[in-house]
PDB file of N, CA and C in Angstrom:
ATOM      1  N   MET A   1       0.853  -1.197   0.000  1.00  0.00           N
ATOM      2  CA  MET A   1       0.000   0.000   0.000  1.00  0.00           C
ATOM      3  C   MET A   1       0.886   1.243   0.000  1.00  0.00           C
ATOM      4  N   LEU A   2       0.544   2.179  -0.830  1.00  0.00           N
ATOM      5  CA  LEU A   2       1.311   3.420  -0.917  1.00  0.00           C
ATOM      6  C   LEU A   2       0.907   4.383   0.191  1.00  0.00           C
ATOM      7  N   ASP A   3       1.869   5.162   0.637  1.00  0.00           N
ATOM      8  CA  ASP A   3       1.591   6.224   1.600  1.00  0.00           C
ATOM      9  C   ASP A   3       1.426   7.521   0.804  1.00  0.00           C
ATOM     10  N   TYR A   4       0.185   7.930   0.638  1.00  0.00           N
ATOM     11  CA  TYR A   4      -0.115   9.126  -0.158  1.00  0.00           C
ATOM     12  C   TYR A   4       0.062  10.418   0.631  1.00  0.00           C
ATOM     13  N   GLY A   5       0.271  10.319   1.927  1.00  0.00           N
ATOM     14  CA  GLY A   5       0.336  11.519   2.740  1.00  0.00           C
ATOM     15  C   GLY A   5      -1.050  12.117   2.895  1.00  0.00           C
ATOM     16  N   VAL A   6      -1.089  13.411   3.075  1.00  0.00           N
ATOM     17  CA  VAL A   6      -2.377  14.093   3.270  1.00  0.00           C
ATOM     18  C   VAL A   6      -2.639  15.163   2.207  1.00  0.00           C
ATOM     19  N   GLY A   7      -1.905  15.107   1.123  1.00  0.00           N
ATOM     20  CA  GLY A   7      -2.127  16.061   0.042  1.00  0.00           C
ATOM     21  C   GLY A   7      -1.346  17.351   0.175  1.00  0.00           C
ATOM     22  N   GLU A   8      -0.301  17.330   0.996  1.00  0.00           N
ATOM     23  CA  GLU A   8       0.457  18.563   1.227  1.00  0.00           C
ATOM     24  C   GLU A   8       1.328  18.965   0.039  1.00  0.00           C
ATOM     25  N   ASP A   9       1.631  18.042  -0.849  1.00  0.00           N
ATOM     26  CA  ASP A   9       2.519  18.388  -1.959  1.00  0.00           C
ATOM     27  C   ASP A   9       1.803  18.467  -3.314  1.00  0.00           C
ATOM     28  N   LEU A  10       0.507  18.719  -3.292  1.00  0.00           N
ATOM     29  CA  LEU A  10      -0.229  18.921  -4.540  1.00  0.00           C
ATOM     30  C   LEU A  10       0.260  20.191  -5.225  1.00  0.00           C
ATOM     31  N   TYR A  11       0.346  20.141  -6.538  1.00  0.00           N
ATOM     32  CA  TYR A  11       0.686  21.357  -7.273  1.00  0.00           C
ATOM     33  C   TYR A  11      -0.075  21.379  -8.594  1.00  0.00           C
ATOM     34  N   TRP A  12      -0.204  22.564  -9.140  1.00  0.00           N
ATOM     35  CA  TRP A  12      -0.962  22.789 -10.363  1.00  0.00           C
ATOM     36  C   TRP A  12      -0.003  22.854 -11.549  1.00  0.00           C
ATOM     37  N   ASP A  13      -0.302  22.114 -12.610  1.00  0.00           N
ATOM     38  CA  ASP A  13       0.455  22.172 -13.861  1.00  0.00           C
ATOM     39  C   ASP A  13      -0.400  22.948 -14.865  1.00  0.00           C
ATOM     40  N   PRO A  14      -0.068  24.211 -15.110  1.00  0.00           N
ATOM     41  CA  PRO A  14      -0.903  25.033 -15.989  1.00  0.00           C
ATOM     42  C   PRO A  14      -0.861  24.607 -17.454  1.00  0.00           C
ATOM     43  N   MET A  15       0.217  23.981 -17.885  1.00  0.00           N
ATOM     44  CA  MET A  15       0.318  23.555 -19.287  1.00  0.00           C
ATOM     45  C   MET A  15      -0.651  22.408 -19.576  1.00  0.00           C
ATOM     46  N   ARG A  16      -0.783  21.474 -18.636  1.00  0.00           N
ATOM     47  CA  ARG A  16      -1.664  20.324 -18.838  1.00  0.00           C
ATOM     48  C   ARG A  16      -3.028  20.501 -18.174  1.00  0.00           C
ATOM     49  N   LYS A  17      -3.183  21.570 -17.410  1.00  0.00           N
ATOM     50  CA  LYS A  17      -4.432  21.846 -16.691  1.00  0.00           C
ATOM     51  C   LYS A  17      -4.817  20.648 -15.823  1.00  0.00           C
ATOM     52  N   GLU A  18      -3.888  20.315 -14.916  1.00  0.00           N
ATOM     53  CA  GLU A  18      -4.125  19.207 -14.003  1.00  0.00           C
ATOM     54  C   GLU A  18      -3.392  19.423 -12.695  1.00  0.00           C
ATOM     55  N   VAL A  19      -3.919  18.803 -11.651  1.00  0.00           N
ATOM     56  CA  VAL A  19      -3.275  18.775 -10.344  1.00  0.00           C
ATOM     57  C   VAL A  19      -2.363  17.557 -10.339  1.00  0.00           C
ATOM     58  N   ARG A  20      -1.182  17.721  -9.720  1.00  0.00           N
ATOM     59  CA  ARG A  20      -0.210  16.635  -9.683  1.00  0.00           C
ATOM     60  C   ARG A  20       0.376  16.475  -8.294  1.00  0.00           C
ATOM     61  N   PHE A  21       0.855  15.274  -8.012  1.00  0.00           N
ATOM     62  CA  PHE A  21       1.678  14.999  -6.840  1.00  0.00           C
ATOM     63  C   PHE A  21       2.402  13.690  -7.078  1.00  0.00           C
ATOM     64  N   SER A  22       3.453  13.450  -6.317  1.00  0.00           N
ATOM     65  CA  SER A  22       4.234  12.223  -6.444  1.00  0.00           C
ATOM     66  C   SER A  22       4.262  11.481  -5.127  1.00  0.00           C
ATOM     67  N   VAL A  23       4.340  10.159  -5.217  1.00  0.00           N
ATOM     68  CA  VAL A  23       4.483   9.305  -4.040  1.00  0.00           C
ATOM     69  C   VAL A  23       5.574   8.285  -4.323  1.00  0.00           C
ATOM     70  N   ALA A  24       6.250   7.869  -3.257  1.00  0.00           N
ATOM     71  CA  ALA A  24       7.281   6.846  -3.397  1.00  0.00           C
ATOM     72  C   ALA A  24       6.626   5.500  -3.669  1.00  0.00           C
ATOM     73  N   GLN A  25       7.118   4.822  -4.693  1.00  0.00           N
ATOM     74  CA  GLN A  25       6.651   3.480  -5.036  1.00  0.00           C
ATOM     75  C   GLN A  25       7.913   2.625  -5.192  1.00  0.00           C
ATOM     76  N   GLY A  26       8.317   2.043  -4.081  1.00  0.00           N
ATOM     77  CA  GLY A  26       9.570   1.315  -4.082  1.00  0.00           C
ATOM     78  C   GLY A  26      10.733   2.274  -4.257  1.00  0.00           C
ATOM     79  N   GLU A  27      11.534   2.012  -5.254  1.00  0.00           N
ATOM     80  CA  GLU A  27      12.716   2.838  -5.526  1.00  0.00           C
ATOM     81  C   GLU A  27      12.428   4.049  -6.422  1.00  0.00           C
ATOM     82  N   ARG A  28      11.220   4.150  -6.914  1.00  0.00           N
ATOM     83  CA  ARG A  28      10.912   5.251  -7.838  1.00  0.00           C
ATOM     84  C   ARG A  28       9.765   6.105  -7.316  1.00  0.00           C
ATOM     85  N   GLN A  29       9.585   7.238  -7.962  1.00  0.00           N
ATOM     86  CA  GLN A  29       8.484   8.136  -7.646  1.00  0.00           C
ATOM     87  C   GLN A  29       7.361   7.901  -8.658  1.00  0.00           C
ATOM     88  N   LEU A  30       6.155   7.750  -8.149  1.00  0.00           N
ATOM     89  CA  LEU A  30       4.981   7.584  -8.996  1.00  0.00           C
ATOM     90  C   LEU A  30       4.305   8.936  -9.142  1.00  0.00           C
ATOM     91  N   LEU A  31       4.169   9.405 -10.365  1.00  0.00           N
ATOM     92  CA  LEU A  31       3.495  10.670 -10.632  1.00  0.00           C
ATOM     93  C   LEU A  31       1.997  10.413 -10.716  1.00  0.00           C
ATOM     94  N   CYS A  32       1.230  11.118  -9.900  1.00  0.00           N
ATOM     95  CA  CYS A  32      -0.227  11.019  -9.886  1.00  0.00           C
ATOM     96  C   CYS A  32      -0.775  12.321 -10.447  1.00  0.00           C
ATOM     97  N   ARG A  33      -1.736  12.211 -11.386  1.00  0.00           N
ATOM     98  CA  ARG A  33      -2.271  13.372 -12.079  1.00  0.00           C
ATOM     99  C   ARG A  33      -3.793  13.338 -12.038  1.00  0.00           C
ATOM    100  N   ILE A  34      -4.398  14.503 -11.847  1.00  0.00           N
ATOM    101  CA  ILE A  34      -5.853  14.621 -11.832  1.00  0.00           C
ATOM    102  C   ILE A  34      -6.229  15.747 -12.790  1.00  0.00           C
ATOM    103  N   GLU A  35      -6.935  15.411 -13.866  1.00  0.00           N
ATOM    104  CA  GLU A  35      -7.300  16.455 -14.822  1.00  0.00           C
ATOM    105  C   GLU A  35      -8.366  17.370 -14.219  1.00  0.00           C
ATOM    106  N   ALA A  36      -8.334  18.624 -14.636  1.00  0.00           N
ATOM    107  CA  ALA A  36      -9.251  19.622 -14.091  1.00  0.00           C
ATOM    108  C   ALA A  36     -10.709  19.196 -14.242  1.00  0.00           C
ATOM    109  N   ASP A  37     -11.064  18.605 -15.364  1.00  0.00           N
ATOM    110  CA  ASP A  37     -12.450  18.182 -15.589  1.00  0.00           C
ATOM    111  C   ASP A  37     -12.922  17.178 -14.540  1.00  0.00           C
ATOM    112  N   ALA A  38     -12.007  16.374 -14.003  1.00  0.00           N
ATOM    113  CA  ALA A  38     -12.376  15.379 -12.992  1.00  0.00           C
ATOM    114  C   ALA A  38     -12.721  16.035 -11.662  1.00  0.00           C
ATOM    115  N   LEU A  39     -12.280  17.259 -11.474  1.00  0.00           N
ATOM    116  CA  LEU A  39     -12.495  17.944 -10.194  1.00  0.00           C
ATOM    117  C   LEU A  39     -13.798  18.734 -10.141  1.00  0.00           C
ATOM    118  N   GLY A  40     -14.604  18.626 -11.162  1.00  0.00           N
ATOM    119  CA  GLY A  40     -15.916  19.244 -11.137  1.00  0.00           C
ATOM    120  C   GLY A  40     -16.050  20.433 -12.055  1.00  0.00           C
ATOM    121  N   PRO A  41     -17.275  20.956 -12.157  1.00  0.00           N
ATOM    122  CA  PRO A  41     -17.564  22.022 -13.118  1.00  0.00           C
ATOM    123  C   PRO A  41     -16.785  23.308 -12.875  1.00  0.00           C
ATOM    124  N   ARG A  42     -16.536  23.667 -11.616  1.00  0.00           N
ATOM    125  CA  ARG A  42     -15.786  24.906 -11.356  1.00  0.00           C
ATOM    126  C   ARG A  42     -14.392  24.830 -11.961  1.00  0.00           C
ATOM    127  N   CYS A  43     -13.763  23.690 -11.850  1.00  0.00           N
ATOM    128  CA  CYS A  43     -12.410  23.523 -12.403  1.00  0.00           C
ATOM    129  C   CYS A  43     -12.455  23.351 -13.907  1.00  0.00           C
ATOM    130  N   ALA A  44     -13.461  22.667 -14.407  1.00  0.00           N
ATOM    131  CA  ALA A  44     -13.572  22.443 -15.848  1.00  0.00           C
ATOM    132  C   ALA A  44     -13.804  23.753 -16.591  1.00  0.00           C
ATOM    133  N   GLU A  45     -14.623  24.629 -16.007  1.00  0.00           N
ATOM    134  CA  GLU A  45     -14.972  25.888 -16.664  1.00  0.00           C
ATOM    135  C   GLU A  45     -13.851  26.914 -16.573  1.00  0.00           C
ATOM    136  N   ALA A  46     -13.165  26.956 -15.450  1.00  0.00           N
ATOM    137  CA  ALA A  46     -12.105  27.939 -15.245  1.00  0.00           C
ATOM    138  C   ALA A  46     -10.943  27.293 -14.503  1.00  0.00           C
ATOM    139  N   PRO A  47     -10.220  26.370 -15.178  1.00  0.00           N
ATOM    140  CA  PRO A  47      -9.144  25.680 -14.482  1.00  0.00           C
ATOM    141  C   PRO A  47      -8.051  26.640 -14.039  1.00  0.00           C
ATOM    142  N   GLY A  48      -7.630  26.491 -12.825  1.00  0.00           N
ATOM    143  CA  GLY A  48      -6.568  27.318 -12.277  1.00  0.00           C
ATOM    144  C   GLY A  48      -6.106  26.761 -10.950  1.00  0.00           C
ATOM    145  N   ALA A  49      -4.968  27.219 -10.517  1.00  0.00           N
ATOM    146  CA  ALA A  49      -4.335  26.668  -9.322  1.00  0.00           C
ATOM    147  C   ALA A  49      -5.206  26.768  -8.081  1.00  0.00           C
ATOM    148  N   GLY A  50      -5.749  27.923  -7.795  1.00  0.00           N
ATOM    149  CA  GLY A  50      -6.488  28.120  -6.551  1.00  0.00           C
ATOM    150  C   GLY A  50      -7.675  27.202  -6.387  1.00  0.00           C
ATOM    151  N   VAL A  51      -8.587  27.264  -7.318  1.00  0.00           N
ATOM    152  CA  VAL A  51      -9.822  26.481  -7.231  1.00  0.00           C
ATOM    153  C   VAL A  51      -9.535  24.984  -7.303  1.00  0.00           C
ATOM    154  N   CYS A  52      -8.749  24.578  -8.269  1.00  0.00           N
ATOM    155  CA  CYS A  52      -8.509  23.138  -8.475  1.00  0.00           C
ATOM    156  C   CYS A  52      -7.714  22.521  -7.329  1.00  0.00           C
ATOM    157  N   LEU A  53      -6.726  23.220  -6.814  1.00  0.00           N
ATOM    158  CA  LEU A  53      -5.981  22.691  -5.671  1.00  0.00           C
ATOM    159  C   LEU A  53      -6.870  22.570  -4.447  1.00  0.00           C
ATOM    160  N   ASP A  54      -7.744  23.535  -4.236  1.00  0.00           N
ATOM    161  CA  ASP A  54      -8.663  23.478  -3.098  1.00  0.00           C
ATOM    162  C   ASP A  54      -9.589  22.265  -3.211  1.00  0.00           C
ATOM    163  N   VAL A  55     -10.163  22.056  -4.379  1.00  0.00           N
ATOM    164  CA  VAL A  55     -11.055  20.913  -4.587  1.00  0.00           C
ATOM    165  C   VAL A  55     -10.281  19.604  -4.400  1.00  0.00           C
ATOM    166  N   ALA A  56      -9.083  19.520  -4.959  1.00  0.00           N
ATOM    167  CA  ALA A  56      -8.284  18.294  -4.840  1.00  0.00           C
ATOM    168  C   ALA A  56      -7.939  18.003  -3.381  1.00  0.00           C
ATOM    169  N   ARG A  57      -7.635  19.021  -2.616  1.00  0.00           N
ATOM    170  CA  ARG A  57      -7.329  18.815  -1.189  1.00  0.00           C
ATOM    171  C   ARG A  57      -8.553  18.295  -0.438  1.00  0.00           C
ATOM    172  N   ARG A  58      -9.712  18.846  -0.745  1.00  0.00           N
ATOM    173  CA  ARG A  58     -10.936  18.421  -0.056  1.00  0.00           C
ATOM    174  C   ARG A  58     -11.335  16.996  -0.405  1.00  0.00           C
ATOM    175  N   HIS A  59     -10.953  16.535  -1.579  1.00  0.00           N
ATOM    176  CA  HIS A  59     -11.330  15.202  -2.041  1.00  0.00           C
ATOM    177  C   HIS A  59     -10.127  14.266  -2.169  1.00  0.00           C
ATOM    178  N   PHE A  60      -9.077  14.556  -1.420  1.00  0.00           N
ATOM    179  CA  PHE A  60      -7.837  13.799  -1.545  1.00  0.00           C
ATOM    180  C   PHE A  60      -8.029  12.309  -1.253  1.00  0.00           C
ATOM    181  N   GLY A  61      -8.823  11.970  -0.268  1.00  0.00           N
ATOM    182  CA  GLY A  61      -9.084  10.570   0.047  1.00  0.00           C
ATOM    183  C   GLY A  61      -9.719   9.835  -1.121  1.00  0.00           C
ATOM    184  N   HIS A  62     -10.691  10.464  -1.743  1.00  0.00           N
ATOM    185  CA  HIS A  62     -11.352   9.861  -2.906  1.00  0.00           C
ATOM    186  C   HIS A  62     -10.364   9.706  -4.064  1.00  0.00           C
ATOM    187  N   ILE A  63      -9.556  10.720  -4.277  1.00  0.00           N
ATOM    188  CA  ILE A  63      -8.562  10.682  -5.355  1.00  0.00           C
ATOM    189  C   ILE A  63      -7.596   9.522  -5.145  1.00  0.00           C
ATOM    190  N   THR A  64      -7.102   9.362  -3.927  1.00  0.00           N
ATOM    191  CA  THR A  64      -6.128   8.296  -3.671  1.00  0.00           C
ATOM    192  C   THR A  64      -6.773   6.914  -3.807  1.00  0.00           C
ATOM    193  N   HIS A  65      -8.052   6.795  -3.497  1.00  0.00           N
ATOM    194  CA  HIS A  65      -8.756   5.521  -3.717  1.00  0.00           C
ATOM    195  C   HIS A  65      -8.827   5.202  -5.210  1.00  0.00           C
ATOM    196  N   ARG A  66      -9.139   6.205  -6.017  1.00  0.00           N
ATOM    197  CA  ARG A  66      -9.193   5.992  -7.464  1.00  0.00           C
ATOM    198  C   ARG A  66      -7.816   5.616  -8.007  1.00  0.00           C
ATOM    199  N   ILE A  67      -6.766   6.263  -7.503  1.00  0.00           N
ATOM    200  CA  ILE A  67      -5.410   5.941  -7.937  1.00  0.00           C
ATOM    201  C   ILE A  67      -5.076   4.497  -7.578  1.00  0.00           C
ATOM    202  N   SER A  68      -5.385   4.092  -6.357  1.00  0.00           N
ATOM    203  CA  SER A  68      -5.124   2.714  -5.926  1.00  0.00           C
ATOM    204  C   SER A  68      -5.892   1.721  -6.793  1.00  0.00           C
ATOM    205  N   ASP A  69      -7.136   2.046  -7.120  1.00  0.00           N
ATOM    206  CA  ASP A  69      -7.934   1.175  -7.989  1.00  0.00           C
ATOM    207  C   ASP A  69      -7.260   0.997  -9.349  1.00  0.00           C
ATOM    208  N   LYS A  70      -6.804   2.103  -9.931  1.00  0.00           N
ATOM    209  CA  LYS A  70      -6.165   2.037 -11.239  1.00  0.00           C
ATOM    210  C   LYS A  70      -4.865   1.241 -11.175  1.00  0.00           C
ATOM    211  N   LEU A  71      -4.088   1.450 -10.120  1.00  0.00           N
ATOM    212  CA  LEU A  71      -2.839   0.698  -9.974  1.00  0.00           C
ATOM    213  C   LEU A  71      -3.115  -0.795  -9.838  1.00  0.00           C
ATOM    214  N   ALA A  72      -4.129  -1.150  -9.066  1.00  0.00           N
ATOM    215  CA  ALA A  72      -4.475  -2.567  -8.873  1.00  0.00           C
ATOM    216  C   ALA A  72      -4.856  -3.228 -10.195  1.00  0.00           C
ATOM    217  N   LEU A  73      -5.429  -2.447 -11.100  1.00  0.00           N
ATOM    218  CA  LEU A  73      -5.833  -2.968 -12.410  1.00  0.00           C
ATOM    219  C   LEU A  73      -4.737  -2.817 -13.463  1.00  0.00           C
ATOM    220  N   GLY A  74      -3.617  -2.204 -13.069  1.00  0.00           N
ATOM    221  CA  GLY A  74      -2.517  -2.001 -14.017  1.00  0.00           C
ATOM    222  C   GLY A  74      -2.787  -0.907 -15.022  1.00  0.00           C
ATOM    223  N   LEU A  75      -3.662   0.026 -14.682  1.00  0.00           N
ATOM    224  CA  LEU A  75      -4.060   1.089 -15.607  1.00  0.00           C
ATOM    225  C   LEU A  75      -3.203   2.339 -15.411  1.00  0.00           C
ATOM    226  N   THR A  76      -2.022   2.310 -15.993  1.00  0.00           N
ATOM    227  CA  THR A  76      -1.147   3.473 -15.941  1.00  0.00           C
ATOM    228  C   THR A  76      -1.008   4.047 -17.349  1.00  0.00           C
ATOM    229  N   GLU A  77      -0.531   5.257 -17.412  1.00  0.00           N
ATOM    230  CA  GLU A  77      -0.299   5.925 -18.687  1.00  0.00           C
ATOM    231  C   GLU A  77       1.010   5.404 -19.295  1.00  0.00           C
ATOM    232  N   PRO A  78       1.243   5.641 -20.570  1.00  0.00           N
ATOM    233  CA  PRO A  78       2.483   5.170 -21.203  1.00  0.00           C
ATOM    234  C   PRO A  78       3.764   5.632 -20.490  1.00  0.00           C
ATOM    235  N   ASP A  79       3.708   6.802 -19.838  1.00  0.00           N
ATOM    236  CA  ASP A  79       4.895   7.293 -19.124  1.00  0.00           C
ATOM    237  C   ASP A  79       5.008   6.720 -17.706  1.00  0.00           C
ATOM    238  N   GLY A  80       4.064   5.858 -17.315  1.00  0.00           N
ATOM    239  CA  GLY A  80       4.088   5.246 -15.990  1.00  0.00           C
ATOM    240  C   GLY A  80       3.290   5.995 -14.944  1.00  0.00           C
ATOM    241  N   SER A  81       2.784   7.170 -15.270  1.00  0.00           N
ATOM    242  CA  SER A  81       1.987   7.938 -14.318  1.00  0.00           C
ATOM    243  C   SER A  81       0.573   7.360 -14.217  1.00  0.00           C
ATOM    244  N   VAL A  82      -0.162   7.836 -13.224  1.00  0.00           N
ATOM    245  CA  VAL A  82      -1.575   7.474 -13.080  1.00  0.00           C
ATOM    246  C   VAL A  82      -2.378   8.750 -13.282  1.00  0.00           C
ATOM    247  N   LEU A  83      -3.316   8.713 -14.209  1.00  0.00           N
ATOM    248  CA  LEU A  83      -4.140   9.879 -14.527  1.00  0.00           C
ATOM    249  C   LEU A  83      -5.590   9.600 -14.148  1.00  0.00           C
ATOM    250  N   ILE A  84      -6.146  10.475 -13.323  1.00  0.00           N
ATOM    251  CA  ILE A  84      -7.562  10.404 -12.980  1.00  0.00           C
ATOM    252  C   ILE A  84      -8.303  11.363 -13.899  1.00  0.00           C
ATOM    253  N   ARG A  85      -9.192  10.784 -14.694  1.00  0.00           N
ATOM    254  CA  ARG A  85     -10.001  11.571 -15.623  1.00  0.00           C
ATOM    255  C   ARG A  85     -11.413  11.716 -15.056  1.00  0.00           C
ATOM    256  N   ALA A  86     -12.200  12.562 -15.677  1.00  0.00           N
ATOM    257  CA  ALA A  86     -13.586  12.756 -15.226  1.00  0.00           C
ATOM    258  C   ALA A  86     -14.350  11.442 -15.213  1.00  0.00           C
ATOM    259  N   LYS A  87     -14.130  10.584 -16.191  1.00  0.00           N
ATOM    260  CA  LYS A  87     -14.859   9.309 -16.250  1.00  0.00           C
ATOM    261  C   LYS A  87     -14.458   8.354 -15.123  1.00  0.00           C
ATOM    262  N   ASP A  88     -13.322   8.596 -14.486  1.00  0.00           N
ATOM    263  CA  ASP A  88     -12.856   7.753 -13.380  1.00  0.00           C
ATOM    264  C   ASP A  88     -13.455   8.163 -12.042  1.00  0.00           C
ATOM    265  N   TRP A  89     -14.024   9.322 -11.972  1.00  0.00           N
ATOM    266  CA  TRP A  89     -14.488   9.888 -10.705  1.00  0.00           C
ATOM    267  C   TRP A  89     -15.575   9.044 -10.133  1.00  0.00           C
TER     268      TRP A  89
END
């Protein structure tokens, strides 16, 4: 089981319009990504650091459950990251 922490290292990637954070997975860092659309209509309509980071922090437990589900199923992106999309919510 991964130790996701409490969401203290979330950051906004303005180029991809997603919230990101990393967790240790053995010897490597696992990049976890949440697209703005997955965080609800406020983020989808006006994606930005303030609103999206706030929503991600409030729903961090749910996000980490979705990430764990995807990892258990082997559903990672080609670069090895885990991306939570709106359809995964």
